[in-house]
Amino acid sequence: MTLTELRYIVTLAQERHFGRAAERCFVSQPTLSVAVKKLEEELGVALFERSKSTVQVTPLGERIVEQASRVLEQASAIKELANEGKDQLSSPLRVGAIHTIGPYLFPHLIPTLSEEAPQMPLYIEENLTGELRRKLRSGELDVIIVALPFAEPDVLTKSLYEEPFEVLLPAGHAWLSRKEIDRDVLYDEKMLMLGEGHCFRDQVLEACPTIKDHVHQPGNTLIAEGGSLETIRHMVASGLGITVVPQSATGSVHYASGLLETRPFKDPAPYRTVALAWRASFPRPKAIDAITRAIKACHRTINPQ
């Protein structure tokens, strides 16, 4: 039994497809298939049920895959511990962020962190919270930037800043005459929102009860088709509706002056808390401190008020 074989069965359990699992493991499909079969023979149990169209994990296989995931996580921790005596700011730092933070933070973070820790290469990734959570636990990412609440066993979090939400409006909208927007009137307009799976969508629905109460009702005016905040910004600029965005996403440098404008909410304004999360076993506290300082400096640049 090898760590490589354990990685194969964990990946296969996630993908439920030999081809996709082999692609993720950077091996050929026959190589992965033979290795999985070899491990099953060594253990004397079937881990997967195979058919022409699907791959299913057996009940016992699920328990073994779960244990294999823990073994891989600990193996990754051993590698990190081996580097503990080295310069903590010289090894690469693998950073993930949710889609509603990454595009607005990373362009500022990369040069800022380069000044803070010039010898530390930075690898970045944007993804949904659930996928970032999985990659953090598996050791594929060292630290992730998410919105609270975020709870995971053996994972530490540190609040970085609070970010208010604002209403994004197209040119000529009647609400531009208002200085502030009452969240209770949002349902009077055609709302554009992110699709399910995005934590920011859930935060907006939670903060705006009038939308949440009607989102699943037939005939509602809510459109939840945007795959990213930038897509939704284009839709607002085209006059298809309005939306709610975090303050860092309110810039309109890609549009002619006045094509998009924002208005703050009336108090108490909804907001989110942006935080850093990393494994408790991660042995590079100086790297965590460096990226924390860099992110806070970037936030002051993006939102100087």
C-alpha atoms as a PDB file:
ATOM      1  CA  MET A   1       0.000   0.000   0.000  1.00  0.00           C
ATOM      2  CA  THR A   2       1.468   3.360  -1.051  1.00  0.00           C
ATOM      3  CA  LEU A   3       0.472   7.010  -0.685  1.00  0.00           C
ATOM      4  CA  THR A   4       0.106   7.132  -4.460  1.00  0.00           C
ATOM      5  CA  GLU A   5      -2.456   4.331  -4.378  1.00  0.00           C
ATOM      6  CA  LEU A   6      -4.327   6.069  -1.577  1.00  0.00           C
ATOM      7  CA  ARG A   7      -4.356   9.287  -3.606  1.00  0.00           C
ATOM      8  CA  TYR A   8      -5.771   7.356  -6.563  1.00  0.00           C
ATOM      9  CA  ILE A   9      -8.707   5.920  -4.619  1.00  0.00           C
ATOM     10  CA  VAL A  10      -9.512   9.270  -2.982  1.00  0.00           C
ATOM     11  CA  THR A  11      -9.536  10.994  -6.358  1.00  0.00           C
ATOM     12  CA  LEU A  12     -11.583   8.213  -7.964  1.00  0.00           C
ATOM     13  CA  ALA A  13     -14.129   8.423  -5.143  1.00  0.00           C
ATOM     14  CA  GLN A  14     -14.454  12.154  -5.797  1.00  0.00           C
ATOM     15  CA  GLU A  15     -14.705  11.937  -9.578  1.00  0.00           C
ATOM     16  CA  ARG A  16     -16.643   8.621  -9.911  1.00  0.00           C
ATOM     17  CA  HIS A  17     -14.947   8.279 -13.304  1.00  0.00           C
ATOM     18  CA  PHE A  18     -11.634   6.570 -14.129  1.00  0.00           C
ATOM     19  CA  GLY A  19     -10.759   8.929 -16.963  1.00  0.00           C
ATOM     20  CA  ARG A  20     -11.292  12.127 -14.994  1.00  0.00           C
ATOM     21  CA  ALA A  21      -9.549  10.683 -11.941  1.00  0.00           C
ATOM     22  CA  ALA A  22      -6.537   9.671 -14.033  1.00  0.00           C
ATOM     23  CA  GLU A  23      -6.395  13.149 -15.567  1.00  0.00           C
ATOM     24  CA  ARG A  24      -6.379  14.767 -12.126  1.00  0.00           C
ATOM     25  CA  CYS A  25      -3.604  12.405 -10.994  1.00  0.00           C
ATOM     26  CA  PHE A  26      -1.572  13.050 -14.170  1.00  0.00           C
ATOM     27  CA  VAL A  27      -1.423   9.358 -15.113  1.00  0.00           C
ATOM     28  CA  SER A  28      -2.988   7.227 -17.814  1.00  0.00           C
ATOM     29  CA  GLN A  29      -6.336   5.579 -17.165  1.00  0.00           C
ATOM     30  CA  PRO A  30      -4.882   2.021 -17.337  1.00  0.00           C
ATOM     31  CA  THR A  31      -2.201   2.978 -14.787  1.00  0.00           C
ATOM     32  CA  LEU A  32      -4.798   4.231 -12.317  1.00  0.00           C
ATOM     33  CA  SER A  33      -7.125   1.280 -12.954  1.00  0.00           C
ATOM     34  CA  VAL A  34      -4.353  -1.279 -12.380  1.00  0.00           C
ATOM     35  CA  ALA A  35      -3.208   0.467  -9.192  1.00  0.00           C
ATOM     36  CA  VAL A  36      -6.741   0.560  -7.748  1.00  0.00           C
ATOM     37  CA  LYS A  37      -7.284  -3.108  -8.600  1.00  0.00           C
ATOM     38  CA  LYS A  38      -3.931  -3.995  -6.993  1.00  0.00           C
ATOM     39  CA  LEU A  39      -4.891  -2.200  -3.779  1.00  0.00           C
ATOM     40  CA  GLU A  40      -8.269  -3.963  -3.697  1.00  0.00           C
ATOM     41  CA  GLU A  41      -6.519  -7.318  -4.070  1.00  0.00           C
ATOM     42  CA  GLU A  42      -4.061  -6.432  -1.305  1.00  0.00           C
ATOM     43  CA  LEU A  43      -6.884  -5.447   1.044  1.00  0.00           C
ATOM     44  CA  GLY A  44      -9.089  -8.336  -0.033  1.00  0.00           C
ATOM     45  CA  VAL A  45     -12.177  -6.130  -0.457  1.00  0.00           C
ATOM     46  CA  ALA A  46     -13.924  -4.290  -3.282  1.00  0.00           C
ATOM     47  CA  LEU A  47     -13.663  -0.535  -2.896  1.00  0.00           C
ATOM     48  CA  PHE A  48     -15.655   0.348  -6.020  1.00  0.00           C
ATOM     49  CA  GLU A  49     -18.572  -1.028  -8.017  1.00  0.00           C
ATOM     50  CA  ARG A  50     -17.812  -0.664 -11.731  1.00  0.00           C
ATOM     51  CA  SER A  51     -20.191  -0.502 -14.674  1.00  0.00           C
ATOM     52  CA  LYS A  52     -19.879   0.789 -18.222  1.00  0.00           C
ATOM     53  CA  SER A  53     -21.255   4.198 -17.302  1.00  0.00           C
ATOM     54  CA  THR A  54     -20.581   4.768 -13.608  1.00  0.00           C
ATOM     55  CA  VAL A  55     -18.232   4.040 -10.734  1.00  0.00           C
ATOM     56  CA  GLN A  56     -19.759   3.760  -7.264  1.00  0.00           C
ATOM     57  CA  VAL A  57     -17.953   3.536  -3.942  1.00  0.00           C
ATOM     58  CA  THR A  58     -18.933   0.516  -1.836  1.00  0.00           C
ATOM     59  CA  PRO A  59     -20.036   1.138   1.775  1.00  0.00           C
ATOM     60  CA  LEU A  60     -16.759  -0.286   3.084  1.00  0.00           C
ATOM     61  CA  GLY A  61     -14.904   1.624   0.386  1.00  0.00           C
ATOM     62  CA  GLU A  62     -16.340   4.901   1.693  1.00  0.00           C
ATOM     63  CA  ARG A  63     -14.856   4.216   5.120  1.00  0.00           C
ATOM     64  CA  ILE A  64     -11.486   3.281   3.638  1.00  0.00           C
ATOM     65  CA  VAL A  65     -11.445   6.351   1.376  1.00  0.00           C
ATOM     66  CA  GLU A  66     -12.237   8.559   4.359  1.00  0.00           C
ATOM     67  CA  GLN A  67      -9.308   7.063   6.277  1.00  0.00           C
ATOM     68  CA  ALA A  68      -7.079   7.422   3.203  1.00  0.00           C
ATOM     69  CA  SER A  69      -7.924  11.131   3.057  1.00  0.00           C
ATOM     70  CA  ARG A  70      -6.776  11.534   6.650  1.00  0.00           C
ATOM     71  CA  VAL A  71      -3.547   9.665   5.899  1.00  0.00           C
ATOM     72  CA  LEU A  72      -2.812  11.921   2.918  1.00  0.00           C
ATOM     73  CA  GLU A  73      -3.477  15.012   5.015  1.00  0.00           C
ATOM     74  CA  GLN A  74      -1.031  13.823   7.660  1.00  0.00           C
ATOM     75  CA  ALA A  75       1.555  12.922   5.015  1.00  0.00           C
ATOM     76  CA  SER A  76       1.305  16.474   3.689  1.00  0.00           C
ATOM     77  CA  ALA A  77       1.791  17.780   7.225  1.00  0.00           C
ATOM     78  CA  ILE A  78       4.966  15.673   7.542  1.00  0.00           C
ATOM     79  CA  LYS A  79       6.395  17.315   4.432  1.00  0.00           C
ATOM     80  CA  GLU A  80       5.598  20.739   5.825  1.00  0.00           C
ATOM     81  CA  LEU A  81       7.180  19.859   9.168  1.00  0.00           C
ATOM     82  CA  ALA A  82      10.349  18.808   7.347  1.00  0.00           C
ATOM     83  CA  ASN A  83      10.602  22.377   6.063  1.00  0.00           C
ATOM     84  CA  GLU A  84      10.039  23.917   9.479  1.00  0.00           C
ATOM     85  CA  GLY A  85      13.730  24.598  10.043  1.00  0.00           C
ATOM     86  CA  LYS A  86      14.052  26.299   6.694  1.00  0.00           C
ATOM     87  CA  ASP A  87      13.227  29.900   5.873  1.00  0.00           C
ATOM     88  CA  GLN A  88       9.451  30.084   6.269  1.00  0.00           C
ATOM     89  CA  LEU A  89       9.244  32.862   3.673  1.00  0.00           C
ATOM     90  CA  SER A  90      11.204  31.105   0.920  1.00  0.00           C
ATOM     91  CA  SER A  91       8.908  28.178   0.065  1.00  0.00           C
ATOM     92  CA  PRO A  92       5.903  28.738  -2.240  1.00  0.00           C
ATOM     93  CA  LEU A  93       2.630  29.758  -0.606  1.00  0.00           C
ATOM     94  CA  ARG A  94      -0.489  28.312  -2.244  1.00  0.00           C
ATOM     95  CA  VAL A  95      -3.419  30.664  -1.708  1.00  0.00           C
ATOM     96  CA  GLY A  96      -7.064  30.175  -2.632  1.00  0.00           C
ATOM     97  CA  ALA A  97      -9.908  32.699  -2.538  1.00  0.00           C
ATOM     98  CA  ILE A  98     -13.614  32.620  -3.247  1.00  0.00           C
ATOM     99  CA  HIS A  99     -14.758  34.074  -6.574  1.00  0.00           C
ATOM    100  CA  THR A 100     -16.195  37.240  -5.003  1.00  0.00           C
ATOM    101  CA  ILE A 101     -12.854  38.131  -3.382  1.00  0.00           C
ATOM    102  CA  GLY A 102     -10.080  36.855  -5.657  1.00  0.00           C
ATOM    103  CA  PRO A 103     -10.565  39.082  -8.751  1.00  0.00           C
ATOM    104  CA  TYR A 104     -10.565  42.255  -6.656  1.00  0.00           C
ATOM    105  CA  LEU A 105      -7.896  41.305  -4.105  1.00  0.00           C
ATOM    106  CA  PHE A 106      -5.287  39.306  -6.052  1.00  0.00           C
ATOM    107  CA  PRO A 107      -4.151  42.125  -8.413  1.00  0.00           C
ATOM    108  CA  HIS A 108      -3.213  44.140  -5.320  1.00  0.00           C
ATOM    109  CA  LEU A 109      -2.055  41.214  -3.172  1.00  0.00           C
ATOM    110  CA  ILE A 110       0.556  39.830  -5.569  1.00  0.00           C
ATOM    111  CA  PRO A 111       2.782  42.952  -5.687  1.00  0.00           C
ATOM    112  CA  THR A 112       2.144  43.783  -2.019  1.00  0.00           C
ATOM    113  CA  LEU A 113       3.156  40.328  -0.809  1.00  0.00           C
ATOM    114  CA  SER A 114       6.144  40.436  -3.143  1.00  0.00           C
ATOM    115  CA  GLU A 115       7.373  43.456  -1.184  1.00  0.00           C
ATOM    116  CA  GLU A 116       6.526  41.832   2.157  1.00  0.00           C
ATOM    117  CA  ALA A 117       8.198  38.489   1.324  1.00  0.00           C
ATOM    118  CA  PRO A 118      10.216  38.839  -1.928  1.00  0.00           C
ATOM    119  CA  GLN A 119      11.625  35.276  -1.760  1.00  0.00           C
ATOM    120  CA  MET A 120       8.229  33.571  -1.354  1.00  0.00           C
ATOM    121  CA  PRO A 121       6.558  32.506  -4.637  1.00  0.00           C
ATOM    122  CA  LEU A 122       2.778  32.900  -4.590  1.00  0.00           C
ATOM    123  CA  TYR A 123       0.424  30.463  -6.315  1.00  0.00           C
ATOM    124  CA  ILE A 124      -3.199  31.622  -6.459  1.00  0.00           C
ATOM    125  CA  GLU A 125      -6.533  29.990  -7.213  1.00  0.00           C
ATOM    126  CA  GLU A 126     -10.178  31.059  -7.227  1.00  0.00           C
ATOM    127  CA  ASN A 127     -12.930  28.579  -6.417  1.00  0.00           C
ATOM    128  CA  LEU A 128     -16.145  27.945  -4.505  1.00  0.00           C
ATOM    129  CA  THR A 129     -15.923  27.675  -0.729  1.00  0.00           C
ATOM    130  CA  GLY A 130     -16.592  23.925  -0.732  1.00  0.00           C
ATOM    131  CA  GLU A 131     -13.775  23.200  -3.170  1.00  0.00           C
ATOM    132  CA  LEU A 132     -11.370  25.497  -1.322  1.00  0.00           C
ATOM    133  CA  ARG A 133     -12.259  23.691   1.905  1.00  0.00           C
ATOM    134  CA  ARG A 134     -11.446  20.312   0.312  1.00  0.00           C
ATOM    135  CA  LYS A 135      -8.148  21.509  -1.147  1.00  0.00           C
ATOM    136  CA  LEU A 136      -7.097  23.050   2.157  1.00  0.00           C
ATOM    137  CA  ARG A 137      -7.745  19.785   3.994  1.00  0.00           C
ATOM    138  CA  SER A 138      -5.919  17.721   1.349  1.00  0.00           C
ATOM    139  CA  GLY A 139      -2.869  19.996   1.402  1.00  0.00           C
ATOM    140  CA  GLU A 140      -3.354  21.251  -2.174  1.00  0.00           C
ATOM    141  CA  LEU A 141      -3.699  24.774  -0.742  1.00  0.00           C
ATOM    142  CA  ASP A 142      -1.893  26.270   2.258  1.00  0.00           C
ATOM    143  CA  VAL A 143      -4.273  29.087   3.092  1.00  0.00           C
ATOM    144  CA  ILE A 144      -7.658  30.243   1.806  1.00  0.00           C
ATOM    145  CA  ILE A 145      -9.496  33.566   1.903  1.00  0.00           C
ATOM    146  CA  VAL A 146     -13.193  33.099   2.643  1.00  0.00           C
ATOM    147  CA  ALA A 147     -16.186  34.810   4.205  1.00  0.00           C
ATOM    148  CA  LEU A 148     -17.267  33.892   7.713  1.00  0.00           C
ATOM    149  CA  PRO A 149     -18.835  31.805   9.080  1.00  0.00           C
ATOM    150  CA  PHE A 150     -16.346  29.083   8.165  1.00  0.00           C
ATOM    151  CA  ALA A 151     -15.858  26.094  10.450  1.00  0.00           C
ATOM    152  CA  GLU A 152     -13.673  23.067   9.782  1.00  0.00           C
ATOM    153  CA  PRO A 153     -12.004  20.652  12.227  1.00  0.00           C
ATOM    154  CA  ASP A 154      -8.300  21.332  12.783  1.00  0.00           C
ATOM    155  CA  VAL A 155      -8.468  24.539  10.748  1.00  0.00           C
ATOM    156  CA  LEU A 156      -7.711  27.975  12.200  1.00  0.00           C
ATOM    157  CA  THR A 157      -9.319  31.226  11.045  1.00  0.00           C
ATOM    158  CA  LYS A 158      -8.376  34.859  11.451  1.00  0.00           C
ATOM    159  CA  SER A 159     -10.744  37.759  10.693  1.00  0.00           C
ATOM    160  CA  LEU A 160      -9.158  40.265   8.303  1.00  0.00           C
ATOM    161  CA  TYR A 161     -11.748  42.979   7.700  1.00  0.00           C
ATOM    162  CA  GLU A 162     -15.452  43.715   7.443  1.00  0.00           C
ATOM    163  CA  GLU A 163     -16.822  44.696   4.048  1.00  0.00           C
ATOM    164  CA  PRO A 164     -20.221  46.375   3.590  1.00  0.00           C
ATOM    165  CA  PHE A 165     -22.560  45.520   0.731  1.00  0.00           C
ATOM    166  CA  GLU A 166     -23.753  48.145  -1.748  1.00  0.00           C
ATOM    167  CA  VAL A 167     -26.430  48.316  -4.435  1.00  0.00           C
ATOM    168  CA  LEU A 168     -25.155  48.450  -8.018  1.00  0.00           C
ATOM    169  CA  LEU A 169     -27.394  50.430 -10.380  1.00  0.00           C
ATOM    170  CA  PRO A 170     -27.356  51.183 -14.121  1.00  0.00           C
ATOM    171  CA  ALA A 171     -27.227  54.715 -15.507  1.00  0.00           C
ATOM    172  CA  GLY A 172     -30.580  56.512 -15.364  1.00  0.00           C
ATOM    173  CA  HIS A 173     -32.072  54.321 -12.644  1.00  0.00           C
ATOM    174  CA  ALA A 174     -34.676  56.071 -10.501  1.00  0.00           C
ATOM    175  CA  TRP A 175     -32.902  55.069  -7.275  1.00  0.00           C
ATOM    176  CA  LEU A 176     -29.868  57.173  -8.184  1.00  0.00           C
ATOM    177  CA  SER A 177     -31.755  60.134  -6.685  1.00  0.00           C
ATOM    178  CA  ARG A 178     -31.540  58.406  -3.290  1.00  0.00           C
ATOM    179  CA  LYS A 179     -28.522  58.707  -1.006  1.00  0.00           C
ATOM    180  CA  GLU A 180     -29.204  55.328   0.645  1.00  0.00           C
ATOM    181  CA  ILE A 181     -31.234  52.228  -0.206  1.00  0.00           C
ATOM    182  CA  ASP A 182     -33.557  50.411   2.194  1.00  0.00           C
ATOM    183  CA  ARG A 183     -32.947  46.658   1.891  1.00  0.00           C
ATOM    184  CA  ASP A 184     -36.706  46.017   2.191  1.00  0.00           C
ATOM    185  CA  VAL A 185     -37.393  47.618  -1.209  1.00  0.00           C
ATOM    186  CA  LEU A 186     -35.007  45.442  -3.200  1.00  0.00           C
ATOM    187  CA  TYR A 187     -37.747  43.029  -4.164  1.00  0.00           C
ATOM    188  CA  ASP A 188     -39.472  45.870  -6.034  1.00  0.00           C
ATOM    189  CA  GLU A 189     -36.744  45.650  -8.681  1.00  0.00           C
ATOM    190  CA  LYS A 190     -35.428  42.896 -10.933  1.00  0.00           C
ATOM    191  CA  MET A 191     -32.552  41.443  -8.918  1.00  0.00           C
ATOM    192  CA  LEU A 192     -29.535  39.799 -10.543  1.00  0.00           C
ATOM    193  CA  MET A 193     -27.699  37.323  -8.318  1.00  0.00           C
ATOM    194  CA  LEU A 194     -25.046  34.652  -8.355  1.00  0.00           C
ATOM    195  CA  GLY A 195     -26.160  31.062  -8.825  1.00  0.00           C
ATOM    196  CA  GLU A 196     -26.446  28.495  -6.071  1.00  0.00           C
ATOM    197  CA  GLY A 197     -23.154  27.353  -4.584  1.00  0.00           C
ATOM    198  CA  HIS A 198     -21.766  30.855  -4.147  1.00  0.00           C
ATOM    199  CA  CYS A 199     -21.598  31.861  -0.491  1.00  0.00           C
ATOM    200  CA  PHE A 200     -22.128  35.535  -1.390  1.00  0.00           C
ATOM    201  CA  ARG A 201     -25.544  34.657  -2.815  1.00  0.00           C
ATOM    202  CA  ASP A 202     -26.468  33.068   0.523  1.00  0.00           C
ATOM    203  CA  GLN A 203     -25.190  36.110   2.423  1.00  0.00           C
ATOM    204  CA  VAL A 204     -27.287  38.486   0.307  1.00  0.00           C
ATOM    205  CA  LEU A 205     -30.409  36.376   0.770  1.00  0.00           C
ATOM    206  CA  GLU A 206     -29.799  36.219   4.516  1.00  0.00           C
ATOM    207  CA  ALA A 207     -29.265  39.986   4.739  1.00  0.00           C
ATOM    208  CA  CYS A 208     -32.297  40.850   2.597  1.00  0.00           C
ATOM    209  CA  PRO A 209     -35.324  38.912   3.922  1.00  0.00           C
ATOM    210  CA  THR A 210     -37.720  40.297   1.297  1.00  0.00           C
ATOM    211  CA  ILE A 211     -35.689  38.578  -1.425  1.00  0.00           C
ATOM    212  CA  LYS A 212     -35.151  35.405   0.585  1.00  0.00           C
ATOM    213  CA  ASP A 213     -38.896  35.038   1.234  1.00  0.00           C
ATOM    214  CA  HIS A 214     -39.717  35.161  -2.484  1.00  0.00           C
ATOM    215  CA  VAL A 215     -36.735  33.552  -4.176  1.00  0.00           C
ATOM    216  CA  HIS A 216     -38.382  30.151  -4.654  1.00  0.00           C
ATOM    217  CA  GLN A 217     -41.877  31.438  -5.454  1.00  0.00           C
ATOM    218  CA  PRO A 218     -43.176  31.042  -9.036  1.00  0.00           C
ATOM    219  CA  GLY A 219     -43.158  34.260 -11.036  1.00  0.00           C
ATOM    220  CA  ASN A 220     -40.681  36.095  -8.849  1.00  0.00           C
ATOM    221  CA  THR A 221     -38.565  38.809 -10.436  1.00  0.00           C
ATOM    222  CA  LEU A 222     -35.286  37.346  -9.203  1.00  0.00           C
ATOM    223  CA  ILE A 223     -32.789  36.259 -11.855  1.00  0.00           C
ATOM    224  CA  ALA A 224     -30.077  33.995 -10.438  1.00  0.00           C
ATOM    225  CA  GLU A 225     -28.131  33.302 -13.593  1.00  0.00           C
ATOM    226  CA  GLY A 226     -24.851  35.142 -13.171  1.00  0.00           C
ATOM    227  CA  GLY A 227     -21.819  32.870 -12.914  1.00  0.00           C
ATOM    228  CA  SER A 228     -19.584  35.636 -11.568  1.00  0.00           C
ATOM    229  CA  LEU A 229     -19.889  39.142 -10.189  1.00  0.00           C
ATOM    230  CA  GLU A 230     -18.270  40.502 -13.354  1.00  0.00           C
ATOM    231  CA  THR A 231     -20.926  38.814 -15.498  1.00  0.00           C
ATOM    232  CA  ILE A 232     -23.607  40.335 -13.305  1.00  0.00           C
ATOM    233  CA  ARG A 233     -21.941  43.775 -13.544  1.00  0.00           C
ATOM    234  CA  HIS A 234     -22.160  43.522 -17.350  1.00  0.00           C
ATOM    235  CA  MET A 235     -25.850  42.605 -17.050  1.00  0.00           C
ATOM    236  CA  VAL A 236     -26.519  45.594 -14.799  1.00  0.00           C
ATOM    237  CA  ALA A 237     -24.633  47.888 -17.188  1.00  0.00           C
ATOM    238  CA  SER A 238     -26.885  46.552 -19.974  1.00  0.00           C
ATOM    239  CA  GLY A 239     -29.973  47.569 -18.004  1.00  0.00           C
ATOM    240  CA  LEU A 240     -31.165  44.045 -17.216  1.00  0.00           C
ATOM    241  CA  GLY A 241     -31.622  44.730 -13.506  1.00  0.00           C
ATOM    242  CA  ILE A 242     -29.803  45.707 -10.322  1.00  0.00           C
ATOM    243  CA  THR A 243     -27.637  43.741  -7.927  1.00  0.00           C
ATOM    244  CA  VAL A 244     -25.895  43.752  -4.558  1.00  0.00           C
ATOM    245  CA  VAL A 245     -22.093  43.602  -4.487  1.00  0.00           C
ATOM    246  CA  PRO A 246     -19.387  43.728  -1.820  1.00  0.00           C
ATOM    247  CA  GLN A 247     -17.724  47.128  -1.578  1.00  0.00           C
ATOM    248  CA  SER A 248     -14.471  45.910  -3.179  1.00  0.00           C
ATOM    249  CA  ALA A 249     -16.396  45.010  -6.357  1.00  0.00           C
ATOM    250  CA  THR A 250     -17.986  48.439  -6.858  1.00  0.00           C
ATOM    251  CA  GLY A 251     -15.250  49.859  -9.116  1.00  0.00           C
ATOM    252  CA  SER A 252     -16.295  50.534 -12.710  1.00  0.00           C
ATOM    253  CA  VAL A 253     -12.979  51.091 -14.495  1.00  0.00           C
ATOM    254  CA  HIS A 254     -14.124  48.963 -17.445  1.00  0.00           C
ATOM    255  CA  TYR A 255     -17.139  51.160 -18.137  1.00  0.00           C
ATOM    256  CA  ALA A 256     -17.713  54.672 -19.371  1.00  0.00           C
ATOM    257  CA  SER A 257     -18.200  57.249 -16.628  1.00  0.00           C
ATOM    258  CA  GLY A 258     -21.694  57.058 -15.151  1.00  0.00           C
ATOM    259  CA  LEU A 259     -22.634  53.759 -16.786  1.00  0.00           C
ATOM    260  CA  LEU A 260     -22.684  52.057 -13.372  1.00  0.00           C
ATOM    261  CA  GLU A 261     -23.192  53.674  -9.981  1.00  0.00           C
ATOM    262  CA  THR A 262     -23.590  52.400  -6.443  1.00  0.00           C
ATOM    263  CA  ARG A 263     -25.576  53.426  -3.429  1.00  0.00           C
ATOM    264  CA  PRO A 264     -24.987  52.306   0.181  1.00  0.00           C
ATOM    265  CA  PHE A 265     -27.649  50.636   2.292  1.00  0.00           C
ATOM    266  CA  LYS A 266     -29.419  52.392   5.114  1.00  0.00           C
ATOM    267  CA  ASP A 267     -28.169  51.432   8.547  1.00  0.00           C
ATOM    268  CA  PRO A 268     -27.834  48.758   9.662  1.00  0.00           C
ATOM    269  CA  ALA A 269     -26.082  47.998   6.385  1.00  0.00           C
ATOM    270  CA  PRO A 270     -25.433  44.327   5.560  1.00  0.00           C
ATOM    271  CA  TYR A 271     -21.779  43.282   5.442  1.00  0.00           C
ATOM    272  CA  ARG A 272     -19.510  40.263   5.389  1.00  0.00           C
ATOM    273  CA  THR A 273     -16.420  39.383   7.396  1.00  0.00           C
ATOM    274  CA  VAL A 274     -13.475  38.273   5.264  1.00  0.00           C
ATOM    275  CA  ALA A 275     -11.117  35.837   6.945  1.00  0.00           C
ATOM    276  CA  LEU A 276      -8.008  33.751   6.430  1.00  0.00           C
ATOM    277  CA  ALA A 277      -8.162  29.990   7.079  1.00  0.00           C
ATOM    278  CA  TRP A 278      -5.287  27.519   7.329  1.00  0.00           C
ATOM    279  CA  ARG A 279      -4.593  24.073   8.773  1.00  0.00           C
ATOM    280  CA  ALA A 280      -3.640  24.071  12.456  1.00  0.00           C
ATOM    281  CA  SER A 281      -0.687  21.841  11.514  1.00  0.00           C
ATOM    282  CA  PHE A 282       0.687  24.326   8.953  1.00  0.00           C
ATOM    283  CA  PRO A 283       4.229  24.969  10.235  1.00  0.00           C
ATOM    284  CA  ARG A 284       4.887  28.407   8.687  1.00  0.00           C
ATOM    285  CA  PRO A 285       3.367  31.031  11.018  1.00  0.00           C
ATOM    286  CA  LYS A 286       5.617  33.728   9.529  1.00  0.00           C
ATOM    287  CA  ALA A 287       4.001  33.121   6.136  1.00  0.00           C
ATOM    288  CA  ILE A 288       0.543  33.489   7.698  1.00  0.00           C
ATOM    289  CA  ASP A 289       1.627  36.736   9.352  1.00  0.00           C
ATOM    290  CA  ALA A 290       3.074  38.037   6.072  1.00  0.00           C
ATOM    291  CA  ILE A 291      -0.047  37.381   4.019  1.00  0.00           C
ATOM    292  CA  THR A 292      -2.245  38.779   6.799  1.00  0.00           C
ATOM    293  CA  ARG A 293      -0.348  42.072   6.756  1.00  0.00           C
ATOM    294  CA  ALA A 294      -0.399  42.153   2.959  1.00  0.00           C
ATOM    295  CA  ILE A 295      -4.154  41.550   2.713  1.00  0.00           C
ATOM    296  CA  LYS A 296      -4.940  44.217   5.303  1.00  0.00           C
ATOM    297  CA  ALA A 297      -2.716  46.692   3.440  1.00  0.00           C
ATOM    298  CA  CYS A 298      -4.514  45.825   0.165  1.00  0.00           C
ATOM    299  CA  HIS A 299      -7.909  46.326   1.780  1.00  0.00           C
ATOM    300  CA  ARG A 300      -6.888  49.804   2.911  1.00  0.00           C
ATOM    301  CA  THR A 301      -5.850  50.551  -0.672  1.00  0.00           C
ATOM    302  CA  ILE A 302      -9.064  49.209  -2.229  1.00  0.00           C
ATOM    303  CA  ASN A 303     -11.363  50.745   0.399  1.00  0.00           C
ATOM    304  CA  PRO A 304      -9.490  53.732   1.877  1.00  0.00           C
ATOM    305  CA  GLN A 305     -12.449  55.106   3.852  1.00  0.00           C
END
